[in-house]
């Protein structure tokens, strides 16, 4: 058989086409593997961010809720304020993550873009968890837009946000959308985080809490979510607590069997002031939660602050820094008399001098703030 030039050219053409097709198939398969690997990495990053840090302090995740506006001036300033808020929450407040409760995906993208500038730096970008408003519902189109806007996960209220009294009610509920949302979210590159709203009148034993966590996983059809959120109180309601009162808030005590496993966060709506927020976060820590989600209702007079993102940013930075501080919070009435021998060094001389002024009454001593003298319009609050 004689091999002609045309036959050789035909063989080379067919061979090249076959190799290209195989390479294309390998490329698609490799992309699928990378996709799964990226999902695993993003989930680990999200879980680690929401876990309790080594310092034994809870992780703190604030909820950012923006009011929609069509005012041209507000829209012009929005980008600048969002960039400042994003950087401040990461660098000053040292928040662990952010829940984005605004329906504006453009705002989310602005916030996320600033976070991405921190890649490879310390602290790194904060994971963003998107929370649907009551008028929205998750679907593939929305989930894809949320992912492209820069979110890592979505918060999914189970039982359509209704309060829960026992685990059996969750399993018996007709809400079957949770499992489909989880599958759709994963297909878009997002991690769905289930949220359970617990009734303030309910009480839970260790066995019931374990059954509740199992019921959540069963309902979602997902055995290992990045985190689970237990929310105490529906929007617009909260349990009044003070520093002296440690019993009125029905915080669920997590059994030892759950601690160190799935990350479970406590979500609260307690308004800051008179030590309420700090007391509630302390109760969450003692109950075994990995972190605290501070909802937008924690910001005092949120409706009055409106679109003043600068004041909201200042509040979150001050509150989160205070809640995560390992220093003692009790400074009222503290007065130290220096007993060092003066004259040996400049610092010792200064300490002796200020101590003398304190003794003579020239400098005022620290004392607890008088709530009657607080100017709330200016932003003064008595503790967090």
Foldseek 3Di string as FASTA:
>chain_A
DDDDPVNVVVVVVVVVVVVVVVVVVVVVVVVVVVLVVLLVVLLVLLLVLQFADPVLFFAEEEEDEADDDPDPVLVVCLLVLLLVLLVCCCPQLVHSAYEYEYPDLVSLLSSQVSQCVQPPHVPHRHAYEYEYDLVDDDDLVVLLSNVVSHHAAYEAEQPSQDADQFQVCRLPDPPQCQQVNQVSNSVNNHFYEYEHEHEQPHADDQVRVVSNVVSVCVSNVHNAGSAYEYEYDDPPDFFDDAPVDLPSGRDHQHDPVCAPGHQYEYEGLDADFRCRVLSVSVSCSVSRHRHYYYYPNNHPPPVVCHNVSVLVSVVSSVQSNVSPDPDDPDQAPDDDADPDDPDPDPVRVVSNVVNVCVVVVVDDGHHQDDPVPADVVVPDGRGD
